C-alpha atoms as a PDB file:
ATOM      1  CA  MET A   1     -27.526 -24.974  15.821  1.00  0.00           C
ATOM      2  CA  LYS A   2     -23.992 -24.055  16.744  1.00  0.00           C
ATOM      3  CA  LYS A   3     -22.491 -20.611  16.125  1.00  0.00           C
ATOM      4  CA  PHE A   4     -20.713 -19.863  12.813  1.00  0.00           C
ATOM      5  CA  LYS A   5     -16.957 -20.349  12.956  1.00  0.00           C
ATOM      6  CA  PHE A   6     -14.707 -19.950   9.938  1.00  0.00           C
ATOM      7  CA  SER A   7     -12.072 -22.651  10.190  1.00  0.00           C
ATOM      8  CA  PHE A   8      -9.444 -20.589   8.366  1.00  0.00           C
ATOM      9  CA  GLU A   9      -9.931 -17.411  10.431  1.00  0.00           C
ATOM     10  CA  SER A  10      -6.348 -17.513  11.721  1.00  0.00           C
ATOM     11  CA  ILE A  11      -4.987 -17.769   8.177  1.00  0.00           C
ATOM     12  CA  LEU A  12      -7.159 -14.831   7.119  1.00  0.00           C
ATOM     13  CA  HIS A  13      -5.848 -12.821  10.083  1.00  0.00           C
ATOM     14  CA  ILE A  14      -2.234 -13.628   9.131  1.00  0.00           C
ATOM     15  CA  ARG A  15      -2.875 -12.558   5.545  1.00  0.00           C
ATOM     16  CA  LYS A  16      -4.360  -9.266   6.714  1.00  0.00           C
ATOM     17  CA  LYS A  17      -1.299  -8.616   8.895  1.00  0.00           C
ATOM     18  CA  LYS A  18       1.020  -9.486   5.998  1.00  0.00           C
ATOM     19  CA  GLU A  19      -0.865  -7.019   3.803  1.00  0.00           C
ATOM     20  CA  GLU A  20      -0.564  -4.297   6.462  1.00  0.00           C
ATOM     21  CA  LEU A  21       3.203  -4.866   6.720  1.00  0.00           C
ATOM     22  CA  ILE A  22       3.622  -4.603   2.963  1.00  0.00           C
ATOM     23  CA  ILE A  23       1.545  -1.403   2.933  1.00  0.00           C
ATOM     24  CA  SER A  24       3.788   0.143   5.589  1.00  0.00           C
ATOM     25  CA  GLU A  25       6.886  -0.962   3.665  1.00  0.00           C
ATOM     26  CA  LEU A  26       5.450   0.687   0.538  1.00  0.00           C
ATOM     27  CA  ALA A  27       4.762   3.889   2.471  1.00  0.00           C
ATOM     28  CA  GLU A  28       8.372   3.995   3.688  1.00  0.00           C
ATOM     29  CA  ALA A  29       9.715   3.500   0.170  1.00  0.00           C
ATOM     30  CA  GLN A  30       7.429   6.196  -1.204  1.00  0.00           C
ATOM     31  CA  THR A  31       8.531   8.570   1.561  1.00  0.00           C
ATOM     32  CA  GLU A  32      12.141   7.933   0.602  1.00  0.00           C
ATOM     33  CA  GLU A  33      11.267   8.545  -3.057  1.00  0.00           C
ATOM     34  CA  HIS A  34       9.696  11.909  -2.201  1.00  0.00           C
ATOM     35  CA  LYS A  35      12.712  12.821  -0.093  1.00  0.00           C
ATOM     36  CA  ILE A  36      15.083  12.096  -2.990  1.00  0.00           C
ATOM     37  CA  LEU A  37      12.889  14.062  -5.394  1.00  0.00           C
ATOM     38  CA  GLY A  38      13.053  16.970  -2.946  1.00  0.00           C
ATOM     39  CA  GLU A  39      16.841  16.723  -2.815  1.00  0.00           C
ATOM     40  CA  ILE A  40      17.048  16.749  -6.605  1.00  0.00           C
ATOM     41  CA  GLU A  41      14.785  19.796  -6.776  1.00  0.00           C
ATOM     42  CA  ASP A  42      16.889  21.506  -4.087  1.00  0.00           C
ATOM     43  CA  ARG A  43      20.074  20.934  -6.117  1.00  0.00           C
ATOM     44  CA  LYS A  44      18.402  22.326  -9.238  1.00  0.00           C
ATOM     45  CA  LEU A  45      17.376  25.432  -7.312  1.00  0.00           C
ATOM     46  CA  LYS A  46      20.948  25.847  -6.064  1.00  0.00           C
ATOM     47  CA  ILE A  47      22.213  25.651  -9.647  1.00  0.00           C
ATOM     48  CA  SER A  48      19.689  28.299 -10.704  1.00  0.00           C
ATOM     49  CA  GLY A  49      20.728  30.487  -7.784  1.00  0.00           C
ATOM     50  CA  ALA A  50      24.406  30.112  -8.630  1.00  0.00           C
ATOM     51  CA  LEU A  51      23.772  31.065 -12.239  1.00  0.00           C
ATOM     52  CA  GLU A  52      21.749  34.127 -11.179  1.00  0.00           C
ATOM     53  CA  TYR A  53      24.486  35.144  -8.730  1.00  0.00           C
ATOM     54  CA  SER A  54      27.203  34.850 -11.363  1.00  0.00           C
ATOM     55  CA  LYS A  55      25.123  36.848 -13.900  1.00  0.00           C
ATOM     56  CA  HIS A  56      24.730  39.715 -11.455  1.00  0.00           C
ATOM     57  CA  ASN A  57      28.407  39.717 -10.483  1.00  0.00           C
ATOM     58  CA  ILE A  58      29.652  39.468 -14.049  1.00  0.00           C
ATOM     59  CA  ALA A  59      27.495  42.382 -15.188  1.00  0.00           C
ATOM     60  CA  GLY A  60      30.347  44.847 -14.742  1.00  0.00           C
ATOM     61  CA  ALA A  61      33.731  43.199 -15.026  1.00  0.00           C
ATOM     62  CA  VAL A  62      34.682  39.614 -15.812  1.00  0.00           C
ATOM     63  CA  ASN A  63      35.997  37.893 -12.713  1.00  0.00           C
ATOM     64  CA  LEU A  64      37.533  34.519 -13.576  1.00  0.00           C
ATOM     65  CA  GLY A  65      37.518  33.466  -9.943  1.00  0.00           C
ATOM     66  CA  ILE A  66      33.738  33.796  -9.661  1.00  0.00           C
ATOM     67  CA  ILE A  67      33.235  32.044 -12.985  1.00  0.00           C
ATOM     68  CA  SER A  68      35.516  29.193 -11.937  1.00  0.00           C
ATOM     69  CA  GLN A  69      33.839  28.816  -8.538  1.00  0.00           C
ATOM     70  CA  THR A  70      30.383  28.890 -10.092  1.00  0.00           C
ATOM     71  CA  ARG A  71      31.357  26.293 -12.672  1.00  0.00           C
ATOM     72  CA  SER A  72      32.830  24.000  -9.986  1.00  0.00           C
ATOM     73  CA  PHE A  73      29.766  24.429  -7.823  1.00  0.00           C
ATOM     74  CA  ILE A  74      27.407  23.642 -10.704  1.00  0.00           C
ATOM     75  CA  GLU A  75      29.411  20.541 -11.639  1.00  0.00           C
ATOM     76  CA  ALA A  76      29.301  19.368  -8.024  1.00  0.00           C
ATOM     77  CA  MET A  77      25.519  19.882  -7.943  1.00  0.00           C
ATOM     78  CA  LYS A  78      25.120  17.980 -11.235  1.00  0.00           C
ATOM     79  CA  THR A  79      27.166  15.111  -9.810  1.00  0.00           C
ATOM     80  CA  GLN A  80      24.932  15.029  -6.748  1.00  0.00           C
ATOM     81  CA  ILE A  81      21.836  15.091  -8.950  1.00  0.00           C
ATOM     82  CA  ALA A  82      23.217  12.156 -10.949  1.00  0.00           C
ATOM     83  CA  ARG A  83      23.756  10.185  -7.712  1.00  0.00           C
ATOM     84  CA  PHE A  84      20.272  11.044  -6.520  1.00  0.00           C
ATOM     85  CA  ASN A  85      18.833   9.932  -9.873  1.00  0.00           C
ATOM     86  CA  LEU A  86      20.578   6.564  -9.532  1.00  0.00           C
ATOM     87  CA  ARG A  87      19.175   6.188  -6.029  1.00  0.00           C
ATOM     88  CA  LEU A  88      15.765   7.274  -7.309  1.00  0.00           C
ATOM     89  CA  LYS A  89      15.826   4.532  -9.946  1.00  0.00           C
ATOM     90  CA  GLU A  90      16.660   1.959  -7.261  1.00  0.00           C
ATOM     91  CA  ILE A  91      13.791   3.208  -5.092  1.00  0.00           C
ATOM     92  CA  LYS A  92      11.348   3.129  -8.013  1.00  0.00           C
ATOM     93  CA  ASP A  93      12.359  -0.464  -8.759  1.00  0.00           C
ATOM     94  CA  LYS A  94      11.877  -1.310  -5.081  1.00  0.00           C
ATOM     95  CA  ILE A  95       8.445   0.366  -5.085  1.00  0.00           C
ATOM     96  CA  LEU A  96       7.432  -1.648  -8.138  1.00  0.00           C
ATOM     97  CA  GLU A  97       8.515  -4.888  -6.445  1.00  0.00           C
ATOM     98  CA  ILE A  98       6.634  -3.970  -3.267  1.00  0.00           C
ATOM     99  CA  LYS A  99       3.501  -3.149  -5.282  1.00  0.00           C
ATOM    100  CA  MET A 100       3.663  -6.562  -6.940  1.00  0.00           C
ATOM    101  CA  ARG A 101       3.968  -8.242  -3.527  1.00  0.00           C
ATOM    102  CA  LEU A 102       1.088  -6.112  -2.247  1.00  0.00           C
ATOM    103  CA  ASN A 103      -1.068  -7.111  -5.197  1.00  0.00           C
ATOM    104  CA  LYS A 104      -0.347 -10.789  -4.490  1.00  0.00           C
ATOM    105  CA  ALA A 105      -1.161 -10.319  -0.794  1.00  0.00           C
ATOM    106  CA  LEU A 106      -4.428  -8.556  -1.692  1.00  0.00           C
ATOM    107  CA  VAL A 107      -5.433 -11.426  -3.970  1.00  0.00           C
ATOM    108  CA  GLU A 108      -4.637 -13.981  -1.258  1.00  0.00           C
ATOM    109  CA  ARG A 109      -6.673 -12.085   1.345  1.00  0.00           C
ATOM    110  CA  LYS A 110      -9.601 -11.523  -1.024  1.00  0.00           C
ATOM    111  CA  THR A 111      -9.597 -15.237  -1.849  1.00  0.00           C
ATOM    112  CA  MET A 112      -9.848 -16.108   1.843  1.00  0.00           C
ATOM    113  CA  GLU A 113     -12.593 -13.521   2.393  1.00  0.00           C
ATOM    114  CA  THR A 114     -14.549 -14.905  -0.564  1.00  0.00           C
ATOM    115  CA  LEU A 115     -14.237 -18.391   0.899  1.00  0.00           C
ATOM    116  CA  LYS A 116     -15.384 -17.078   4.271  1.00  0.00           C
ATOM    117  CA  ASP A 117     -18.395 -15.382   2.644  1.00  0.00           C
ATOM    118  CA  LYS A 118     -19.327 -18.621   0.858  1.00  0.00           C
ATOM    119  CA  LYS A 119     -19.048 -20.592   4.102  1.00  0.00           C
ATOM    120  CA  TRP A 120     -21.194 -17.949   5.848  1.00  0.00           C
ATOM    121  CA  GLU A 121     -23.860 -18.246   3.146  1.00  0.00           C
ATOM    122  CA  GLU A 122     -23.809 -22.051   3.490  1.00  0.00           C
ATOM    123  CA  TYR A 123     -24.153 -21.701   7.248  1.00  0.00           C
ATOM    124  CA  LYS A 124     -27.059 -19.259   6.922  1.00  0.00           C
ATOM    125  CA  LYS A 125     -28.815 -21.561   4.463  1.00  0.00           C
ATOM    126  CA  ALA A 126     -28.392 -24.580   6.746  1.00  0.00           C
ATOM    127  CA  TYR A 127     -29.442 -22.526   9.773  1.00  0.00           C
ATOM    128  CA  ASN A 128     -32.557 -21.212   8.040  1.00  0.00           C
ATOM    129  CA  LYS A 129     -33.432 -24.707   6.827  1.00  0.00           C
ATOM    130  CA  ALA A 130     -33.095 -26.138  10.339  1.00  0.00           C
ATOM    131  CA  ASP A 131     -35.079 -23.211  11.756  1.00  0.00           C
ATOM    132  CA  ASN A 132     -37.849 -23.706   9.188  1.00  0.00           C
ATOM    133  CA  GLU A 133     -38.009 -27.434   9.947  1.00  0.00           C
ATOM    134  CA  THR A 134     -38.282 -26.680  13.654  1.00  0.00           C
ATOM    135  CA  MET A 135     -41.053 -24.158  13.043  1.00  0.00           C
ATOM    136  CA  ASP A 136     -42.886 -26.611  10.776  1.00  0.00           C
ATOM    137  CA  GLU A 137     -42.711 -29.292  13.464  1.00  0.00           C
ATOM    138  CA  ILE A 138     -44.028 -26.861  16.061  1.00  0.00           C
ATOM    139  CA  SER A 139     -46.892 -25.706  13.847  1.00  0.00           C
ATOM    140  CA  ASN A 140     -47.759 -29.271  12.825  1.00  0.00           C
ATOM    141  CA  SER A 141     -47.796 -30.447  16.426  1.00  0.00           C
ATOM    142  CA  LYS A 142     -50.217 -27.636  17.358  1.00  0.00           C
ATOM    143  CA  ARG A 143     -52.576 -28.479  14.488  1.00  0.00           C
ATOM    144  CA  GLN A 144     -52.880 -32.146  15.282  1.00  0.00           C
ATOM    145  CA  PRO A 145     -55.288 -32.903  18.104  1.00  0.00           C
ATOM    146  CA  GLU A 146     -53.935 -34.869  20.946  1.00  0.00           C
ATOM    147  CA  LYS A 147     -54.950 -38.499  20.963  1.00  0.00           C
ATOM    148  CA  LYS A 148     -56.672 -39.725  24.066  1.00  0.00           C
ATOM    149  CA  VAL A 149     -55.678 -43.051  25.328  1.00  0.00           C
END
């Protein structure tokens, strides 16, 4: 009997590659999300540092210049945080869309693999049946005495 060959092997291979590409795209988006979260955290730390600095400098005498600079700096940091939060929302939406595409690609690949497994089981069944018939013929031919002419 001929060797097992899945007729849709090339399609299965393409679906696996598509899945790998989507996974790498998801990884890139998640990396960008973590980077933005780090930037937001950095800005929050800068705000905390600025507030601590102004508290220590104001302890003695009130300096309007320091207060004004601190306030401007904090407002600038809050503006940056707001921009980063907008970008973060965009990235999260993108990640959600990529995850949906990945889920669809996984389903498509699993469907092809299930079909391949079913075809393999059919092949094994047919192969075993043919093998058993061959063995039965061999054993039957050995049991029957040869006829003399």
